């Protein structure tokens, strides 16, 4: 069974994505706290790691799935720093640490946001952080293409999570299960011809 690393897998989206991916892969979930990891359903193909460095003991990897991210409004200098640290730098660190251990022909999948393209007012720092993530994904796809490693991103709108249900009509929320299936596809052999793509996901 192939091994993948999942960052941000203990959040609301991860609670749906991880159970889907353990059907096909040995999943190494990098967590912030052991308590958050233990909230995931136990599975023989699920392993927790407290850091990227700890995850390395399970190399080589088929791929990396980056679910880390967070939303915030405003465009102050402090908010820019916060959003870049939340939405860009965790992926940069994960790639720096793990990409050398991803097998040729492997996969990298990241979560971005449709806001990086629609650019709504009032959330400039968030938009910029996701746009920066997109740019890195497109560049990384070219860099790792020589190893036949594909790098793609999903750009959904608001995802169907408990928090978003309180403020957004269900008809405008993207089902988390659908995102999980798209990630599974992008990790598969069938997606080998997709590289450097920013794929919008609608409700």
N, C-alpha and C. Protein backbone atom coordinates (compact mmCIF):
# COMPACT_ATOMS: atom_id res chain seq x y z
N UNK A 1 0.84 -1.20 0.00
CA UNK A 1 0.00 0.00 0.00
C UNK A 1 0.87 1.25 0.00
N UNK A 2 0.54 2.21 -0.85
CA UNK A 2 1.30 3.45 -0.93
C UNK A 2 1.02 4.33 0.28
N UNK A 3 2.00 5.18 0.58
CA UNK A 3 1.91 6.06 1.75
C UNK A 3 1.79 7.51 1.31
N UNK A 4 0.87 8.24 1.94
CA UNK A 4 0.76 9.68 1.70
C UNK A 4 0.82 10.41 3.04
N UNK A 5 1.22 11.67 2.98
CA UNK A 5 1.23 12.53 4.16
C UNK A 5 0.11 13.55 4.01
N UNK A 6 -0.64 13.76 5.08
CA UNK A 6 -1.73 14.73 5.08
C UNK A 6 -1.44 15.77 6.15
N UNK A 7 -1.38 17.02 5.76
CA UNK A 7 -1.22 18.11 6.72
C UNK A 7 -2.57 18.83 6.84
N UNK A 8 -2.91 19.24 8.05
CA UNK A 8 -4.21 19.86 8.27
C UNK A 8 -5.34 18.86 8.29
N UNK A 9 -5.04 17.60 8.53
CA UNK A 9 -6.04 16.55 8.45
C UNK A 9 -6.93 16.39 9.66
N UNK A 10 -6.71 17.19 10.71
CA UNK A 10 -7.51 17.04 11.92
C UNK A 10 -8.63 18.08 12.02
N UNK A 11 -8.79 18.90 10.98
CA UNK A 11 -9.86 19.90 10.99
C UNK A 11 -11.16 19.35 10.45
N UNK A 12 -12.14 20.23 10.23
CA UNK A 12 -13.46 19.81 9.76
C UNK A 12 -13.38 19.12 8.40
N UNK A 13 -12.61 19.68 7.48
CA UNK A 13 -12.47 19.05 6.17
C UNK A 13 -11.73 17.73 6.29
N UNK A 14 -10.70 17.71 7.10
CA UNK A 14 -9.93 16.49 7.29
C UNK A 14 -10.75 15.34 7.84
N UNK A 15 -11.75 15.67 8.65
CA UNK A 15 -12.58 14.61 9.24
C UNK A 15 -13.37 13.86 8.18
N UNK A 16 -13.50 14.44 6.99
CA UNK A 16 -14.16 13.78 5.87
C UNK A 16 -13.14 13.22 4.89
N UNK A 17 -12.08 13.98 4.64
CA UNK A 17 -11.07 13.57 3.65
C UNK A 17 -10.27 12.36 4.12
N UNK A 18 -9.82 12.40 5.37
CA UNK A 18 -8.96 11.32 5.86
C UNK A 18 -9.65 9.95 5.80
N UNK A 19 -10.90 9.81 6.29
CA UNK A 19 -11.55 8.50 6.18
C UNK A 19 -11.69 8.02 4.74
N UNK A 20 -11.82 8.95 3.79
CA UNK A 20 -11.88 8.53 2.37
C UNK A 20 -10.52 8.02 1.89
N UNK A 21 -9.45 8.70 2.26
CA UNK A 21 -8.14 8.34 1.72
C UNK A 21 -7.55 7.09 2.36
N UNK A 22 -7.91 6.79 3.61
CA UNK A 22 -7.37 5.58 4.24
C UNK A 22 -7.90 4.31 3.58
N UNK A 23 -8.91 4.44 2.74
CA UNK A 23 -9.39 3.29 1.99
C UNK A 23 -8.36 2.84 0.95
N UNK A 24 -7.53 3.78 0.50
CA UNK A 24 -6.60 3.50 -0.59
C UNK A 24 -5.13 3.63 -0.21
N UNK A 25 -4.83 4.32 0.89
CA UNK A 25 -3.44 4.64 1.23
C UNK A 25 -3.18 4.47 2.73
N UNK A 26 -1.94 4.25 3.05
CA UNK A 26 -1.50 4.42 4.43
C UNK A 26 -1.32 5.92 4.62
N UNK A 27 -2.07 6.50 5.54
CA UNK A 27 -2.09 7.95 5.70
C UNK A 27 -1.34 8.38 6.96
N UNK A 28 -0.35 9.23 6.77
CA UNK A 28 0.39 9.82 7.87
C UNK A 28 -0.17 11.22 8.09
N UNK A 29 -0.89 11.42 9.17
CA UNK A 29 -1.51 12.72 9.45
C UNK A 29 -0.62 13.49 10.42
N UNK A 30 -0.13 14.64 9.96
CA UNK A 30 0.69 15.50 10.82
C UNK A 30 -0.26 16.38 11.63
N UNK A 31 -0.17 16.28 12.95
CA UNK A 31 -1.14 16.96 13.81
C UNK A 31 -0.45 18.01 14.69
N UNK A 32 -1.27 18.94 15.18
CA UNK A 32 -0.79 19.93 16.14
C UNK A 32 -0.82 19.38 17.55
N UNK A 33 -1.91 18.70 17.89
CA UNK A 33 -2.03 18.09 19.21
C UNK A 33 -2.48 16.65 19.04
N UNK A 34 -2.02 15.79 19.95
CA UNK A 34 -2.42 14.39 19.90
C UNK A 34 -3.93 14.25 20.06
N UNK A 35 -4.52 15.13 20.87
CA UNK A 35 -5.96 15.08 21.11
C UNK A 35 -6.74 15.28 19.81
N UNK A 36 -6.30 16.22 18.98
CA UNK A 36 -6.99 16.47 17.71
C UNK A 36 -6.89 15.27 16.79
N UNK A 37 -5.75 14.60 16.81
CA UNK A 37 -5.57 13.42 15.97
C UNK A 37 -6.47 12.29 16.44
N UNK A 38 -6.60 12.13 17.73
CA UNK A 38 -7.38 11.02 18.28
C UNK A 38 -8.87 11.18 18.03
N UNK A 39 -9.30 12.35 17.58
CA UNK A 39 -10.71 12.53 17.23
C UNK A 39 -11.05 11.86 15.90
N UNK A 40 -10.01 11.58 15.09
CA UNK A 40 -10.24 10.85 13.86
C UNK A 40 -10.54 9.39 14.20
N UNK A 41 -11.40 8.78 13.41
CA UNK A 41 -11.75 7.38 13.65
C UNK A 41 -10.52 6.50 13.50
N UNK A 42 -10.36 5.56 14.41
CA UNK A 42 -9.21 4.66 14.36
C UNK A 42 -9.26 3.80 13.10
N UNK A 43 -8.10 3.60 12.49
CA UNK A 43 -8.01 2.78 11.29
C UNK A 43 -6.59 2.26 11.19
N UNK A 44 -6.45 1.04 10.75
CA UNK A 44 -5.12 0.43 10.70
C UNK A 44 -4.19 1.13 9.71
N UNK A 45 -4.75 1.86 8.75
CA UNK A 45 -3.92 2.57 7.77
C UNK A 45 -3.68 4.03 8.15
N UNK A 46 -4.03 4.40 9.39
CA UNK A 46 -3.91 5.79 9.84
C UNK A 46 -2.85 5.90 10.93
N UNK A 47 -1.87 6.78 10.69
CA UNK A 47 -0.76 6.97 11.63
C UNK A 47 -0.61 8.47 11.91
N UNK A 48 -0.39 8.83 13.15
CA UNK A 48 -0.18 10.22 13.51
C UNK A 48 1.29 10.56 13.62
N UNK A 49 1.62 11.79 13.26
CA UNK A 49 2.99 12.30 13.41
C UNK A 49 2.90 13.71 13.98
N UNK A 50 3.72 14.01 14.95
CA UNK A 50 3.66 15.32 15.61
C UNK A 50 4.39 16.41 14.85
N UNK A 51 5.12 16.04 13.80
CA UNK A 51 5.87 17.02 13.01
C UNK A 51 6.16 16.44 11.64
N UNK A 52 6.54 17.30 10.72
CA UNK A 52 6.95 16.85 9.39
C UNK A 52 8.17 15.94 9.49
N UNK A 53 9.06 16.29 10.40
CA UNK A 53 10.28 15.51 10.56
C UNK A 53 9.96 14.10 11.05
N UNK A 54 8.98 13.98 11.95
CA UNK A 54 8.58 12.66 12.42
C UNK A 54 7.96 11.85 11.29
N UNK A 55 7.24 12.51 10.42
CA UNK A 55 6.60 11.82 9.30
C UNK A 55 7.63 11.19 8.37
N UNK A 56 8.83 11.74 8.32
CA UNK A 56 9.86 11.25 7.42
C UNK A 56 10.24 9.79 7.67
N UNK A 57 10.00 9.31 8.87
CA UNK A 57 10.37 7.92 9.17
C UNK A 57 9.54 6.92 8.37
N UNK A 58 8.43 7.40 7.77
CA UNK A 58 7.57 6.52 6.99
C UNK A 58 7.81 6.65 5.48
N UNK A 59 8.84 7.40 5.09
CA UNK A 59 9.17 7.57 3.68
C UNK A 59 9.65 6.24 3.09
N UNK A 60 9.55 6.10 1.76
CA UNK A 60 9.16 7.08 0.74
C UNK A 60 7.64 7.25 0.66
N UNK A 61 7.23 8.36 0.03
CA UNK A 61 5.82 8.69 -0.06
C UNK A 61 5.33 8.70 -1.51
N UNK A 62 4.07 8.37 -1.65
CA UNK A 62 3.41 8.55 -2.95
C UNK A 62 3.00 10.00 -3.13
N UNK A 63 2.63 10.65 -2.04
CA UNK A 63 2.17 12.02 -2.21
C UNK A 63 1.98 12.78 -0.92
N UNK A 64 1.60 14.05 -1.11
CA UNK A 64 1.33 14.99 -0.03
C UNK A 64 -0.01 15.64 -0.29
N UNK A 65 -0.87 15.67 0.73
CA UNK A 65 -2.14 16.37 0.66
C UNK A 65 -2.12 17.47 1.71
N UNK A 66 -2.22 18.71 1.27
CA UNK A 66 -2.16 19.86 2.18
C UNK A 66 -3.55 20.45 2.38
N UNK A 67 -4.11 20.24 3.57
CA UNK A 67 -5.42 20.78 3.91
C UNK A 67 -5.32 21.97 4.85
N UNK A 68 -4.12 22.39 5.19
CA UNK A 68 -3.92 23.48 6.14
C UNK A 68 -4.44 24.79 5.53
N UNK A 69 -5.13 25.57 6.33
CA UNK A 69 -5.60 26.87 5.86
C UNK A 69 -6.52 27.50 6.87
N UNK A 70 -6.81 28.77 6.65
CA UNK A 70 -7.70 29.48 7.55
C UNK A 70 -8.17 30.77 6.91
N UNK A 71 -9.34 31.23 7.33
CA UNK A 71 -9.95 32.42 6.74
C UNK A 71 -9.82 33.60 7.69
N UNK A 72 -9.67 34.78 7.11
CA UNK A 72 -9.64 35.99 7.91
C UNK A 72 -9.95 37.20 7.05
N UNK A 73 -10.56 38.21 7.65
CA UNK A 73 -10.88 39.42 6.92
C UNK A 73 -9.85 40.50 7.12
N UNK A 74 -9.99 41.57 6.34
CA UNK A 74 -9.11 42.72 6.51
C UNK A 74 -7.87 42.67 5.64
N UNK A 75 -7.10 43.75 5.73
CA UNK A 75 -5.89 43.86 4.92
C UNK A 75 -4.81 44.65 5.64
N UNK A 76 -4.79 44.57 6.96
CA UNK A 76 -3.75 45.25 7.72
C UNK A 76 -2.44 44.50 7.57
N UNK A 77 -1.31 45.15 7.85
CA UNK A 77 -0.04 44.43 7.80
C UNK A 77 -0.03 43.19 8.68
N UNK A 78 -0.60 43.29 9.86
CA UNK A 78 -0.64 42.13 10.76
C UNK A 78 -1.47 41.00 10.16
N UNK A 79 -2.58 41.37 9.51
CA UNK A 79 -3.43 40.34 8.91
C UNK A 79 -2.74 39.67 7.72
N UNK A 80 -1.99 40.46 6.95
CA UNK A 80 -1.21 39.87 5.86
C UNK A 80 -0.22 38.84 6.40
N UNK A 81 0.48 39.21 7.46
CA UNK A 81 1.44 38.28 8.06
C UNK A 81 0.74 37.02 8.54
N UNK A 82 -0.41 37.19 9.20
CA UNK A 82 -1.16 36.05 9.72
C UNK A 82 -1.64 35.14 8.61
N UNK A 83 -2.20 35.73 7.54
CA UNK A 83 -2.76 34.91 6.47
C UNK A 83 -1.67 34.19 5.66
N UNK A 84 -0.56 34.84 5.43
CA UNK A 84 0.55 34.17 4.73
C UNK A 84 1.08 33.02 5.57
N UNK A 85 1.15 33.22 6.88
CA UNK A 85 1.63 32.16 7.76
C UNK A 85 0.62 31.01 7.85
N UNK A 86 -0.64 31.32 7.66
CA UNK A 86 -1.69 30.30 7.74
C UNK A 86 -1.87 29.54 6.43
N UNK A 87 -1.86 30.26 5.32
CA UNK A 87 -2.27 29.67 4.04
C UNK A 87 -1.15 29.36 3.06
N UNK A 88 0.01 29.95 3.25
CA UNK A 88 1.12 29.70 2.33
C UNK A 88 2.27 28.94 2.99
N UNK A 89 2.75 29.42 4.11
CA UNK A 89 3.99 28.88 4.67
C UNK A 89 3.90 27.43 5.13
N UNK A 90 2.77 26.95 5.66
CA UNK A 90 2.72 25.52 6.01
C UNK A 90 2.95 24.62 4.80
N UNK A 91 2.42 25.02 3.65
CA UNK A 91 2.63 24.24 2.43
C UNK A 91 4.08 24.34 1.97
N UNK A 92 4.66 25.53 2.05
CA UNK A 92 6.07 25.71 1.68
C UNK A 92 6.95 24.80 2.55
N UNK A 93 6.69 24.79 3.84
CA UNK A 93 7.50 23.96 4.74
C UNK A 93 7.31 22.46 4.46
N UNK A 94 6.07 22.08 4.18
CA UNK A 94 5.80 20.67 3.90
C UNK A 94 6.51 20.22 2.63
N UNK A 95 6.46 21.05 1.61
CA UNK A 95 7.14 20.71 0.35
C UNK A 95 8.64 20.64 0.56
N UNK A 96 9.18 21.61 1.27
CA UNK A 96 10.63 21.63 1.50
C UNK A 96 11.09 20.37 2.22
N UNK A 97 10.31 19.91 3.19
CA UNK A 97 10.70 18.75 3.99
C UNK A 97 10.42 17.43 3.29
N UNK A 98 9.26 17.34 2.61
CA UNK A 98 8.78 16.04 2.14
C UNK A 98 9.02 15.76 0.66
N UNK A 99 9.09 16.79 -0.17
CA UNK A 99 9.19 16.55 -1.61
C UNK A 99 10.37 15.66 -2.00
N UNK A 100 11.55 15.80 -1.36
CA UNK A 100 12.65 14.90 -1.74
C UNK A 100 12.34 13.43 -1.49
N UNK A 101 11.35 13.15 -0.62
CA UNK A 101 11.00 11.78 -0.29
C UNK A 101 9.76 11.28 -1.04
N UNK A 102 9.23 12.11 -1.93
CA UNK A 102 8.11 11.67 -2.76
C UNK A 102 8.67 10.94 -3.97
N UNK A 103 8.12 9.78 -4.24
CA UNK A 103 8.61 8.95 -5.33
C UNK A 103 8.34 9.60 -6.68
N UNK A 104 9.19 9.32 -7.66
CA UNK A 104 8.93 9.78 -9.01
C UNK A 104 7.57 9.26 -9.46
N UNK A 105 6.79 10.13 -10.08
CA UNK A 105 5.44 9.76 -10.47
C UNK A 105 4.43 9.98 -9.37
N UNK A 106 4.83 10.67 -8.30
CA UNK A 106 3.95 10.90 -7.17
C UNK A 106 3.00 12.07 -7.37
N UNK A 107 2.32 12.45 -6.30
CA UNK A 107 1.26 13.46 -6.37
C UNK A 107 1.35 14.45 -5.20
N UNK A 108 1.08 15.71 -5.49
CA UNK A 108 0.90 16.73 -4.46
C UNK A 108 -0.42 17.44 -4.74
N UNK A 109 -1.27 17.53 -3.71
CA UNK A 109 -2.58 18.18 -3.83
C UNK A 109 -2.71 19.18 -2.71
N UNK A 110 -3.14 20.39 -3.04
CA UNK A 110 -3.29 21.44 -2.03
C UNK A 110 -4.68 22.06 -2.12
N UNK A 111 -5.14 22.59 -1.00
CA UNK A 111 -6.42 23.30 -0.96
C UNK A 111 -6.17 24.79 -1.03
N UNK A 112 -6.73 25.42 -2.06
CA UNK A 112 -6.69 26.87 -2.18
C UNK A 112 -8.12 27.38 -2.01
N UNK A 113 -8.50 28.42 -2.73
CA UNK A 113 -9.84 28.99 -2.59
C UNK A 113 -10.23 29.73 -3.86
N UNK A 114 -11.51 29.66 -4.21
CA UNK A 114 -12.00 30.39 -5.36
C UNK A 114 -11.83 31.90 -5.16
N UNK A 115 -11.73 32.33 -3.91
CA UNK A 115 -11.54 33.76 -3.63
C UNK A 115 -10.23 34.29 -4.21
N UNK A 116 -9.27 33.40 -4.43
CA UNK A 116 -8.00 33.82 -5.03
C UNK A 116 -8.19 34.28 -6.47
N UNK A 117 -9.32 33.91 -7.08
CA UNK A 117 -9.62 34.32 -8.44
C UNK A 117 -10.73 35.35 -8.51
N UNK A 118 -11.76 35.22 -7.67
CA UNK A 118 -12.86 36.19 -7.68
C UNK A 118 -12.49 37.47 -6.96
N UNK A 119 -11.57 37.38 -6.00
CA UNK A 119 -11.01 38.55 -5.30
C UNK A 119 -12.07 39.49 -4.71
N UNK A 120 -12.91 38.99 -3.83
CA UNK A 120 -13.92 39.86 -3.22
C UNK A 120 -13.30 40.92 -2.31
N UNK A 121 -14.04 42.00 -2.12
CA UNK A 121 -13.56 43.09 -1.27
C UNK A 121 -13.59 42.68 0.19
N UNK A 122 -12.73 43.31 0.98
CA UNK A 122 -12.77 43.15 2.42
C UNK A 122 -11.94 42.03 2.99
N UNK A 123 -11.36 41.20 2.11
CA UNK A 123 -10.54 40.07 2.60
C UNK A 123 -9.22 40.03 1.83
N UNK A 124 -8.63 41.19 1.65
CA UNK A 124 -7.44 41.31 0.82
C UNK A 124 -6.28 40.43 1.24
N UNK A 125 -6.05 40.31 2.54
CA UNK A 125 -4.92 39.49 3.02
C UNK A 125 -5.16 38.02 2.71
N UNK A 126 -6.38 37.57 2.93
CA UNK A 126 -6.72 36.17 2.63
C UNK A 126 -6.58 35.90 1.14
N UNK A 127 -7.12 36.78 0.31
CA UNK A 127 -7.03 36.62 -1.14
C UNK A 127 -5.57 36.55 -1.59
N UNK A 128 -4.76 37.46 -1.08
CA UNK A 128 -3.35 37.48 -1.48
C UNK A 128 -2.61 36.22 -1.05
N UNK A 129 -2.93 35.70 0.13
CA UNK A 129 -2.25 34.50 0.61
C UNK A 129 -2.60 33.29 -0.25
N UNK A 130 -3.85 33.18 -0.66
CA UNK A 130 -4.25 32.07 -1.51
C UNK A 130 -3.72 32.24 -2.94
N UNK A 131 -3.66 33.49 -3.41
CA UNK A 131 -3.08 33.74 -4.73
C UNK A 131 -1.59 33.38 -4.75
N UNK A 132 -0.91 33.68 -3.65
CA UNK A 132 0.51 33.31 -3.54
C UNK A 132 0.67 31.79 -3.54
N UNK A 133 -0.24 31.10 -2.85
CA UNK A 133 -0.23 29.64 -2.85
C UNK A 133 -0.41 29.11 -4.27
N UNK A 134 -1.35 29.68 -5.01
CA UNK A 134 -1.56 29.27 -6.40
C UNK A 134 -0.31 29.42 -7.24
N UNK A 135 0.36 30.56 -7.09
CA UNK A 135 1.56 30.82 -7.88
C UNK A 135 2.66 29.82 -7.55
N UNK A 136 2.79 29.49 -6.27
CA UNK A 136 3.80 28.50 -5.89
C UNK A 136 3.46 27.13 -6.46
N UNK A 137 2.19 26.77 -6.45
CA UNK A 137 1.76 25.48 -7.00
C UNK A 137 2.10 25.40 -8.49
N UNK A 138 1.82 26.46 -9.23
CA UNK A 138 2.10 26.45 -10.66
C UNK A 138 3.60 26.35 -10.95
N UNK A 139 4.39 27.05 -10.16
CA UNK A 139 5.84 26.98 -10.33
C UNK A 139 6.39 25.62 -9.92
N UNK A 140 5.88 25.10 -8.80
CA UNK A 140 6.34 23.80 -8.30
C UNK A 140 6.00 22.68 -9.29
N UNK A 141 4.86 22.80 -9.95
CA UNK A 141 4.47 21.79 -10.93
C UNK A 141 5.51 21.69 -12.05
N UNK A 142 6.04 22.82 -12.46
CA UNK A 142 7.07 22.81 -13.50
C UNK A 142 8.38 22.24 -12.96
N UNK A 143 8.69 22.59 -11.72
CA UNK A 143 9.95 22.13 -11.12
C UNK A 143 9.96 20.62 -10.92
N UNK A 144 8.83 20.07 -10.44
CA UNK A 144 8.78 18.64 -10.15
C UNK A 144 8.31 17.80 -11.33
N UNK A 145 7.91 18.48 -12.40
CA UNK A 145 7.46 17.75 -13.58
C UNK A 145 8.51 16.83 -14.15
N UNK A 146 9.77 17.19 -14.00
CA UNK A 146 10.85 16.34 -14.52
C UNK A 146 10.91 15.01 -13.79
N UNK A 147 10.29 14.95 -12.61
CA UNK A 147 10.20 13.69 -11.85
C UNK A 147 8.82 13.07 -12.00
N UNK A 148 8.02 13.59 -12.89
CA UNK A 148 6.65 13.11 -13.13
C UNK A 148 5.78 13.20 -11.89
N UNK A 149 6.13 14.13 -11.01
CA UNK A 149 5.29 14.42 -9.83
C UNK A 149 4.33 15.52 -10.22
N UNK A 150 3.03 15.26 -10.09
CA UNK A 150 2.04 16.28 -10.43
C UNK A 150 1.70 17.11 -9.20
N UNK A 151 1.43 18.38 -9.43
CA UNK A 151 1.09 19.32 -8.35
C UNK A 151 -0.15 20.10 -8.78
N UNK A 152 -1.24 19.91 -8.05
CA UNK A 152 -2.50 20.56 -8.40
C UNK A 152 -3.20 21.10 -7.16
N UNK A 153 -4.13 22.01 -7.38
CA UNK A 153 -4.88 22.60 -6.27
C UNK A 153 -6.36 22.61 -6.56
N UNK A 154 -7.16 22.48 -5.51
CA UNK A 154 -8.61 22.64 -5.60
C UNK A 154 -8.97 24.02 -5.06
N UNK A 155 -9.87 24.71 -5.76
CA UNK A 155 -10.28 26.05 -5.39
C UNK A 155 -11.79 26.08 -5.14
N UNK A 156 -12.24 25.61 -3.98
CA UNK A 156 -13.67 25.63 -3.68
C UNK A 156 -14.11 26.98 -3.12
N UNK A 157 -15.42 27.17 -3.12
CA UNK A 157 -16.00 28.26 -2.35
C UNK A 157 -16.13 27.79 -0.91
N UNK A 158 -17.12 28.30 -0.20
CA UNK A 158 -17.32 27.90 1.19
C UNK A 158 -17.66 26.41 1.26
N UNK A 159 -16.97 25.70 2.14
CA UNK A 159 -17.15 24.27 2.28
C UNK A 159 -18.20 23.97 3.34
N UNK A 160 -18.93 22.89 3.14
CA UNK A 160 -19.99 22.49 4.07
C UNK A 160 -19.37 21.96 5.36
N UNK A 161 -19.18 22.87 6.32
CA UNK A 161 -18.66 22.53 7.64
C UNK A 161 -19.64 23.08 8.68
N UNK A 162 -19.59 22.59 9.91
CA UNK A 162 -20.50 23.11 10.93
C UNK A 162 -20.44 24.63 11.08
N UNK A 163 -19.25 25.18 11.00
CA UNK A 163 -19.11 26.64 11.15
C UNK A 163 -19.78 27.38 10.01
N UNK A 164 -19.56 26.92 8.77
CA UNK A 164 -20.12 27.61 7.61
C UNK A 164 -21.63 27.44 7.49
N UNK A 165 -22.16 26.34 8.00
CA UNK A 165 -23.61 26.12 7.92
C UNK A 165 -24.38 27.18 8.70
N UNK A 166 -23.73 27.76 9.70
CA UNK A 166 -24.41 28.76 10.54
C UNK A 166 -24.60 30.08 9.82
N UNK A 167 -23.83 30.32 8.74
CA UNK A 167 -23.90 31.63 8.09
C UNK A 167 -24.17 31.57 6.60
N UNK A 168 -24.18 30.36 6.00
CA UNK A 168 -24.32 30.24 4.56
C UNK A 168 -25.39 29.21 4.20
N UNK A 169 -26.29 29.53 3.27
CA UNK A 169 -27.30 28.55 2.85
C UNK A 169 -26.65 27.28 2.33
N UNK A 170 -27.28 26.15 2.60
CA UNK A 170 -26.72 24.86 2.20
C UNK A 170 -26.48 24.77 0.70
N UNK A 171 -27.34 25.43 -0.09
CA UNK A 171 -27.22 25.36 -1.55
C UNK A 171 -25.95 26.04 -2.07
N UNK A 172 -25.32 26.86 -1.22
CA UNK A 172 -24.12 27.57 -1.64
C UNK A 172 -22.84 26.98 -1.03
N UNK A 173 -22.97 25.86 -0.36
CA UNK A 173 -21.82 25.21 0.27
C UNK A 173 -21.34 24.04 -0.57
N UNK A 174 -20.01 23.89 -0.66
CA UNK A 174 -19.41 22.78 -1.40
C UNK A 174 -19.34 21.56 -0.47
N UNK A 175 -19.91 20.42 -0.86
CA UNK A 175 -19.89 19.23 -0.01
C UNK A 175 -18.46 18.75 0.24
N UNK A 176 -18.14 18.51 1.50
CA UNK A 176 -16.80 18.03 1.85
C UNK A 176 -16.53 16.66 1.23
N UNK A 177 -17.56 15.83 1.13
CA UNK A 177 -17.38 14.50 0.54
C UNK A 177 -16.97 14.60 -0.92
N UNK A 178 -17.49 15.59 -1.62
CA UNK A 178 -17.10 15.80 -3.01
C UNK A 178 -15.64 16.20 -3.14
N UNK A 179 -15.19 17.04 -2.21
CA UNK A 179 -13.78 17.43 -2.21
C UNK A 179 -12.90 16.21 -1.94
N UNK A 180 -13.33 15.36 -1.02
CA UNK A 180 -12.56 14.15 -0.71
C UNK A 180 -12.41 13.27 -1.95
N UNK A 181 -13.46 13.14 -2.74
CA UNK A 181 -13.39 12.33 -3.95
C UNK A 181 -12.48 12.96 -4.99
N UNK A 182 -12.50 14.27 -5.10
CA UNK A 182 -11.60 14.94 -6.04
C UNK A 182 -10.14 14.78 -5.64
N UNK A 183 -9.87 14.86 -4.35
CA UNK A 183 -8.50 14.64 -3.88
C UNK A 183 -8.06 13.22 -4.20
N UNK A 184 -8.95 12.25 -3.95
CA UNK A 184 -8.63 10.86 -4.26
C UNK A 184 -8.31 10.70 -5.74
N UNK A 185 -9.06 11.38 -6.59
CA UNK A 185 -8.79 11.31 -8.03
C UNK A 185 -7.43 11.91 -8.36
N UNK A 186 -7.12 13.07 -7.78
CA UNK A 186 -5.84 13.73 -8.09
C UNK A 186 -4.64 12.94 -7.58
N UNK A 187 -4.86 12.05 -6.63
CA UNK A 187 -3.79 11.18 -6.14
C UNK A 187 -3.62 9.93 -7.00
N UNK A 188 -4.59 9.67 -7.84
CA UNK A 188 -4.63 8.41 -8.58
C UNK A 188 -3.82 8.46 -9.86
N UNK A 189 -3.63 7.30 -10.45
CA UNK A 189 -2.94 7.18 -11.73
C UNK A 189 -3.73 7.86 -12.84
N UNK A 190 -5.05 7.88 -12.71
CA UNK A 190 -5.89 8.47 -13.75
C UNK A 190 -5.66 9.98 -13.92
N UNK A 191 -5.08 10.62 -12.93
CA UNK A 191 -4.86 12.08 -13.00
C UNK A 191 -3.47 12.44 -13.51
N UNK A 192 -2.74 11.48 -14.04
CA UNK A 192 -1.33 11.71 -14.38
C UNK A 192 -1.12 12.80 -15.42
N UNK A 193 -2.15 13.12 -16.19
CA UNK A 193 -2.00 14.15 -17.22
C UNK A 193 -2.40 15.54 -16.73
N UNK A 194 -2.80 15.65 -15.47
CA UNK A 194 -3.13 16.96 -14.90
C UNK A 194 -1.95 17.43 -14.05
N UNK A 195 -1.43 18.58 -14.38
CA UNK A 195 -0.30 19.12 -13.61
C UNK A 195 -0.33 20.64 -13.66
N UNK A 196 -0.13 21.25 -12.49
CA UNK A 196 -0.14 22.70 -12.41
C UNK A 196 -1.51 23.30 -12.59
N UNK A 197 -2.55 22.53 -12.27
CA UNK A 197 -3.91 22.99 -12.48
C UNK A 197 -4.53 23.57 -11.21
N UNK A 198 -5.28 24.65 -11.38
CA UNK A 198 -6.04 25.27 -10.30
C UNK A 198 -7.50 25.00 -10.60
N UNK A 199 -8.08 24.02 -9.94
CA UNK A 199 -9.37 23.48 -10.31
C UNK A 199 -10.48 24.02 -9.43
N UNK A 200 -11.36 24.82 -10.02
CA UNK A 200 -12.49 25.35 -9.28
C UNK A 200 -13.47 24.26 -8.89
N UNK A 201 -14.08 24.40 -7.71
CA UNK A 201 -15.06 23.43 -7.21
C UNK A 201 -16.31 24.19 -6.81
N UNK A 202 -17.43 23.87 -7.46
CA UNK A 202 -18.67 24.58 -7.19
C UNK A 202 -19.62 23.71 -6.38
N UNK A 203 -20.61 24.32 -5.70
CA UNK A 203 -21.59 23.56 -4.91
C UNK A 203 -22.38 22.58 -5.79
